[in-house]
């Protein structure tokens, strides 16, 4: 049976089904589970104080102090503050520099996949759309987020305020979860519903992939980040399209996966990749691995991909 014939009868609403049939549900969701644990930990360190009086981290994702010694500041908020003419404390500047350093190393969009609580909502909306087979109602240009980022910075400079923080869904949701006050919880609930409905009713990954200035700002910071996904076994790809179905930035896959004939290496070098690992999870051909931008994992490529279950066929 050819790959094309095998894929013709596949259930497109359940990407990763062949990986689950071969290795089980846990293996097909390993990186997703680890990301949810990471997001939960980042939230939990803020909640121990309000809930139990044990203050590990005070503040929000916009600005925080951990154990009284480690300041962390959202660099986008810091830049807005400087453009607005504010004088920042040294600890705030140090915190912004630390965050920039970390995401410049690991890849800026890792913040979106491994830290941001809004990602849980947008992933859920994308899952619902996939299961129901919904198509995008209104296509949006992904470059729109760059225009929004420029507008945010300009607004801060003109108004003398940290403009984006007044409407930032990430900060509002995080503040609502951490403080628990009626007002902040109501604002968090409103923004949660708005983002969820937008992603469900307008375009898949609409908020994170098309509008959010925070994500694209971190993408610019980590454009040359070290940690990358590599399509090291791309020769084994049978065009099942599962990786494209689960990827929040599916346009980043094509050059690495299908660029061999054009001399393009297997490493996903796009700044938009969030290092979420979902392509690794769902691929039953073991095409993808985590690697670095300097090493494509060619030593791994020499092995044959485990192929106990062929795409679209029953286990033999």
Protein backbone atom coordinates (compact mmCIF):
# COMPACT_ATOMS: atom_id res chain seq x y z
CA UNK A 1 0.00 0.00 0.00
CA UNK A 2 1.39 3.41 -0.96
CA UNK A 3 1.57 6.23 1.60
CA UNK A 4 -0.96 8.19 -0.42
CA UNK A 5 -3.44 5.29 -0.38
CA UNK A 6 -2.85 4.66 3.32
CA UNK A 7 -3.40 8.31 4.22
CA UNK A 8 -6.55 8.64 2.12
CA UNK A 9 -8.64 6.78 4.68
CA UNK A 10 -7.10 8.26 7.81
CA UNK A 11 -9.15 10.11 10.41
CA UNK A 12 -7.93 13.70 10.08
CA UNK A 13 -9.71 14.69 13.31
CA UNK A 14 -7.36 12.58 15.47
CA UNK A 15 -3.73 13.44 14.69
CA UNK A 16 -1.30 11.09 16.40
CA UNK A 17 -3.63 8.08 16.28
CA UNK A 18 -0.96 5.86 14.70
CA UNK A 19 1.61 6.93 17.27
CA UNK A 20 -0.85 6.08 20.03
CA UNK A 21 -1.62 2.71 18.45
CA UNK A 22 2.09 1.95 18.31
CA UNK A 23 3.44 3.37 21.56
CA UNK A 24 0.42 4.25 23.69
CA UNK A 25 -1.30 7.47 24.73
CA UNK A 26 1.46 8.60 27.09
CA UNK A 27 4.18 8.48 24.45
CA UNK A 28 2.00 10.40 22.01
CA UNK A 29 1.46 13.19 24.56
CA UNK A 30 4.79 13.25 26.42
CA UNK A 31 5.86 16.76 25.52
CA UNK A 32 2.33 18.10 25.90
CA UNK A 33 2.18 16.69 29.43
CA UNK A 34 5.57 18.17 30.29
CA UNK A 35 4.44 21.57 29.02
CA UNK A 36 1.30 21.45 31.12
CA UNK A 37 3.38 20.55 34.16
CA UNK A 38 5.71 23.46 33.41
CA UNK A 39 2.82 25.90 33.06
CA UNK A 40 1.31 24.57 36.27
CA UNK A 41 4.57 25.03 38.17
CA UNK A 42 4.97 28.59 36.93
CA UNK A 43 1.46 29.32 38.17
CA UNK A 44 1.86 27.39 41.42
CA UNK A 45 4.87 29.38 42.62
CA UNK A 46 2.71 32.50 42.53
CA UNK A 47 -0.23 30.84 44.29
CA UNK A 48 1.51 29.45 47.37
CA UNK A 49 1.55 32.87 49.02
CA UNK A 50 -2.13 33.86 48.55
CA UNK A 51 -3.35 30.34 49.33
CA UNK A 52 -1.08 29.17 52.15
CA UNK A 53 1.02 32.17 53.17
CA UNK A 54 4.23 30.65 51.80
CA UNK A 55 5.58 33.29 49.45
CA UNK A 56 7.82 31.73 46.83
CA UNK A 57 7.16 34.32 44.14
CA UNK A 58 5.42 37.67 44.51
CA UNK A 59 3.91 39.54 41.57
CA UNK A 60 2.75 38.28 38.17
CA UNK A 61 4.37 37.20 34.93
CA UNK A 62 4.78 40.90 34.10
CA UNK A 63 7.11 41.51 37.06
CA UNK A 64 7.98 39.30 40.02
CA UNK A 65 10.42 38.63 42.83
CA UNK A 66 11.26 35.02 43.72
CA UNK A 67 12.44 34.18 47.25
CA UNK A 68 13.20 37.85 47.76
CA UNK A 69 16.36 37.69 45.65
CA UNK A 70 15.50 36.87 42.03
CA UNK A 71 13.77 39.65 40.07
CA UNK A 72 12.16 38.76 36.75
CA UNK A 73 10.56 41.34 34.46
CA UNK A 74 8.72 40.95 31.19
CA UNK A 75 11.10 42.67 28.75
CA UNK A 76 8.20 43.97 26.65
CA UNK A 77 6.77 45.70 29.70
CA UNK A 78 10.23 47.07 30.54
CA UNK A 79 10.65 48.44 27.01
CA UNK A 80 7.23 50.08 27.14
CA UNK A 81 8.13 51.64 30.48
CA UNK A 82 11.36 53.08 29.11
CA UNK A 83 9.62 54.41 25.99
CA UNK A 84 7.01 56.01 28.24
CA UNK A 85 9.76 57.90 30.04
CA UNK A 86 9.51 56.01 33.31
CA UNK A 87 12.56 55.51 35.50
CA UNK A 88 12.80 51.81 36.32
CA UNK A 89 14.38 50.40 39.44
CA UNK A 90 17.67 48.59 38.97
CA UNK A 91 16.06 45.29 40.03
CA UNK A 92 13.47 45.68 37.27
CA UNK A 93 16.17 46.23 34.65
CA UNK A 94 18.15 43.28 35.97
CA UNK A 95 15.02 41.14 35.82
CA UNK A 96 14.38 42.12 32.21
CA UNK A 97 18.00 41.38 31.28
CA UNK A 98 17.78 37.93 32.90
CA UNK A 99 14.61 37.07 30.99
CA UNK A 100 16.09 38.30 27.70
CA UNK A 101 19.19 36.19 28.31
CA UNK A 102 17.24 33.02 29.02
CA UNK A 103 14.92 33.27 26.02
CA UNK A 104 17.71 34.39 23.70
CA UNK A 105 19.33 31.08 24.61
CA UNK A 106 16.40 28.65 24.56
CA UNK A 107 14.25 30.35 21.91
CA UNK A 108 11.80 33.15 22.64
CA UNK A 109 8.59 31.38 21.71
CA UNK A 110 9.37 28.77 24.34
CA UNK A 111 7.69 31.28 26.64
CA UNK A 112 4.46 30.76 24.70
CA UNK A 113 4.57 26.98 24.81
CA UNK A 114 6.00 26.36 28.26
CA UNK A 115 5.02 29.32 30.48
CA UNK A 116 2.08 31.36 29.20
CA UNK A 117 -1.29 30.31 30.72
CA UNK A 118 -3.23 31.57 27.68
CA UNK A 119 -1.58 28.79 25.65
CA UNK A 120 -3.73 26.26 27.50
CA UNK A 121 -6.86 28.00 26.20
CA UNK A 122 -5.67 28.32 22.63
CA UNK A 123 -4.49 24.70 22.56
CA UNK A 124 -7.91 23.61 23.79
CA UNK A 125 -9.67 25.70 21.14
CA UNK A 126 -7.43 24.25 18.43
CA UNK A 127 -8.16 20.73 19.68
CA UNK A 128 -11.91 21.37 19.51
CA UNK A 129 -11.64 22.76 15.99
CA UNK A 130 -9.61 19.74 14.86
CA UNK A 131 -12.00 17.24 16.40
CA UNK A 132 -14.98 18.95 14.79
CA UNK A 133 -13.23 19.49 11.47
CA UNK A 134 -13.88 23.25 11.46
CA UNK A 135 -12.21 25.46 8.88
CA UNK A 136 -11.02 29.01 9.51
CA UNK A 137 -13.83 31.53 9.02
CA UNK A 138 -11.61 34.55 8.36
CA UNK A 139 -7.97 34.05 7.36
CA UNK A 140 -5.59 36.45 9.06
CA UNK A 141 -2.06 37.45 8.08
CA UNK A 142 0.41 36.31 10.74
CA UNK A 143 2.40 39.52 10.20
CA UNK A 144 -0.46 41.40 11.83
CA UNK A 145 1.11 40.70 15.24
CA UNK A 146 4.20 42.67 14.19
CA UNK A 147 2.02 45.66 13.40
CA UNK A 148 0.28 45.33 16.76
CA UNK A 149 3.66 45.18 18.50
CA UNK A 150 4.77 48.36 16.74
CA UNK A 151 1.48 50.01 17.71
CA UNK A 152 1.91 49.00 21.35
CA UNK A 153 5.40 50.50 21.53
CA UNK A 154 4.26 53.67 19.76
CA UNK A 155 1.26 54.01 22.09
CA UNK A 156 3.52 53.75 25.14
CA UNK A 157 5.86 56.41 23.79
CA UNK A 158 3.02 58.79 22.90
CA UNK A 159 0.82 58.33 25.98
CA UNK A 160 3.52 57.91 28.60
CA UNK A 161 1.89 54.71 29.83
CA UNK A 162 2.63 50.99 29.72
CA UNK A 163 -0.14 50.74 27.16
CA UNK A 164 -0.36 47.01 26.57
CA UNK A 165 -0.64 46.02 30.21
CA UNK A 166 -4.09 47.62 30.39
CA UNK A 167 -5.47 45.01 27.99
CA UNK A 168 -2.89 42.21 28.05
CA UNK A 169 -4.82 38.92 28.34
CA UNK A 170 -1.77 37.13 29.75
CA UNK A 171 -1.36 39.60 32.62
CA UNK A 172 -5.10 39.85 33.24
CA UNK A 173 -5.56 36.09 33.36
CA UNK A 174 -2.51 35.58 35.54
CA UNK A 175 -3.46 38.42 37.89
CA UNK A 176 -6.99 37.06 38.19
CA UNK A 177 -5.73 33.59 39.06
CA UNK A 178 -3.14 34.86 41.55
CA UNK A 179 -5.04 37.61 43.40
CA UNK A 180 -8.45 36.01 43.30
CA UNK A 181 -10.32 39.28 43.88
CA UNK A 182 -13.80 39.63 42.42
CA UNK A 183 -12.78 42.39 40.00
CA UNK A 184 -9.62 40.75 38.72
CA UNK A 185 -11.28 37.34 38.50
CA UNK A 186 -14.14 38.88 36.51
CA UNK A 187 -11.67 40.54 34.14
CA UNK A 188 -9.75 37.28 33.81
CA UNK A 189 -12.94 35.36 33.06
CA UNK A 190 -13.97 37.92 30.44
CA UNK A 191 -10.63 37.83 28.63
CA UNK A 192 -10.54 34.04 28.84
CA UNK A 193 -13.93 33.75 27.17
CA UNK A 194 -13.01 36.37 24.55
CA UNK A 195 -9.78 34.61 23.53
CA UNK A 196 -11.47 31.21 23.52
CA UNK A 197 -14.36 32.40 21.36
CA UNK A 198 -12.02 34.20 18.98
CA UNK A 199 -9.93 31.07 18.46
CA UNK A 200 -13.02 28.90 18.12
CA UNK A 201 -15.09 31.13 15.89
CA UNK A 202 -12.61 33.08 13.76
CA UNK A 203 -9.30 31.35 13.12
CA UNK A 204 -7.34 28.51 14.68
CA UNK A 205 -4.52 29.80 16.90
CA UNK A 206 -5.90 33.24 16.15
CA UNK A 207 -4.67 34.94 19.30
CA UNK A 208 -1.23 33.36 19.74
CA UNK A 209 -0.41 32.95 16.07
CA UNK A 210 -1.81 36.15 14.59
CA UNK A 211 -2.41 38.89 17.15
CA UNK A 212 -0.37 38.56 20.34
CA UNK A 213 2.47 41.13 20.47
CA UNK A 214 4.05 39.42 23.48
CA UNK A 215 4.66 36.21 21.54
CA UNK A 216 6.19 37.94 18.54
CA UNK A 217 8.36 40.09 20.83
CA UNK A 218 9.78 36.97 22.47
CA UNK A 219 10.19 35.45 19.01
CA UNK A 220 12.42 38.37 18.05
CA UNK A 221 14.43 37.96 21.27
CA UNK A 222 15.00 34.26 20.67
CA UNK A 223 15.38 34.31 16.89
CA UNK A 224 18.86 32.78 17.22
CA UNK A 225 18.02 30.53 20.16
CA UNK A 226 19.98 27.34 20.77
CA UNK A 227 17.20 24.79 21.31
CA UNK A 228 15.54 23.68 18.07
CA UNK A 229 13.41 20.90 16.65
CA UNK A 230 15.02 18.90 13.86
CA UNK A 231 13.25 16.81 11.21
CA UNK A 232 16.23 14.48 11.34
CA UNK A 233 14.40 11.47 9.86
CA UNK A 234 12.53 13.45 7.23
CA UNK A 235 13.24 10.81 4.59
CA UNK A 236 10.84 8.54 6.49
CA UNK A 237 7.95 11.04 6.26
CA UNK A 238 4.88 9.60 4.53
CA UNK A 239 2.94 12.89 4.34
CA UNK A 240 0.35 11.92 6.94
CA UNK A 241 0.13 15.63 7.90
CA UNK A 242 -0.27 14.93 11.64
CA UNK A 243 2.58 17.30 12.51
CA UNK A 244 0.93 20.10 10.56
CA UNK A 245 -2.39 19.39 12.28
CA UNK A 246 -0.99 19.88 15.79
CA UNK A 247 1.62 22.58 15.17
CA UNK A 248 0.59 26.04 16.43
CA UNK A 249 2.84 27.61 13.76
CA UNK A 250 2.54 25.06 10.98
CA UNK A 251 4.32 27.25 8.42
CA UNK A 252 7.63 26.58 10.21
CA UNK A 253 7.61 22.84 9.42
CA UNK A 254 7.71 22.83 5.61
CA UNK A 255 11.27 24.12 5.01
CA UNK A 256 12.82 21.59 7.39
CA UNK A 257 10.60 18.66 6.46
CA UNK A 258 10.51 19.08 2.68
CA UNK A 259 13.54 21.20 1.89
CA UNK A 260 16.11 18.46 1.25
CA UNK A 261 15.89 18.78 -2.52
CA UNK A 262 16.60 22.49 -2.21
CA UNK A 263 19.54 22.01 0.10
CA UNK A 264 17.65 23.15 3.21
CA UNK A 265 18.74 21.43 6.42
CA UNK A 266 16.35 19.56 8.73
CA UNK A 267 16.51 22.04 11.62
CA UNK A 268 13.45 24.26 12.16
CA UNK A 269 15.14 27.64 12.35
CA UNK A 270 12.06 29.85 12.22
CA UNK A 271 11.78 32.23 15.15
CA UNK A 272 8.06 31.40 15.31
CA UNK A 273 8.60 27.80 16.48
CA UNK A 274 7.51 27.53 20.11
CA UNK A 275 9.48 24.34 20.83
CA UNK A 276 6.23 22.76 21.99
CA UNK A 277 7.28 19.28 20.87
CA UNK A 278 3.87 18.26 19.57
CA UNK A 279 5.30 17.27 16.18
CA UNK A 280 7.62 14.89 18.05
CA UNK A 281 4.70 13.50 20.04
CA UNK A 282 2.38 12.63 17.16
CA UNK A 283 4.82 11.37 14.53
CA UNK A 284 4.75 7.58 14.19
CA UNK A 285 7.74 7.72 11.86
CA UNK A 286 10.04 9.33 14.45
CA UNK A 287 10.84 12.16 12.06
CA UNK A 288 11.36 14.88 14.69
CA UNK A 289 13.66 15.26 17.69
CA UNK A 290 14.83 18.09 19.92
CA UNK A 291 18.31 19.22 18.99
CA UNK A 292 20.28 22.48 18.71
CA UNK A 293 20.68 24.97 15.91
CA UNK A 294 24.29 23.79 15.52
CA UNK A 295 23.63 20.05 15.45
CA UNK A 296 20.88 18.51 13.35
CA UNK A 297 21.05 15.11 15.01
CA UNK A 298 22.52 13.41 11.97
CA UNK A 299 23.89 10.66 14.17
CA UNK A 300 20.33 9.76 15.10
CA UNK A 301 19.26 9.82 11.47
CA UNK A 302 21.29 6.71 10.75
CA UNK A 303 18.90 4.51 12.71
CA UNK A 304 15.77 3.14 11.15
CA UNK A 305 12.57 4.69 12.54
CA UNK A 306 10.49 2.28 14.56
CA UNK A 307 7.77 1.17 12.19
CA UNK A 308 5.67 -1.42 13.96
CA UNK A 309 2.55 0.40 12.77
CA UNK A 310 2.45 1.87 9.29
CA UNK A 311 0.37 4.98 8.76
CA UNK A 312 -3.23 3.96 8.17
CA UNK A 313 -2.56 0.24 8.52
CA UNK A 314 -3.27 -2.24 11.26
CA UNK A 315 -0.61 -3.49 13.60
CA UNK A 316 0.97 -6.68 12.23
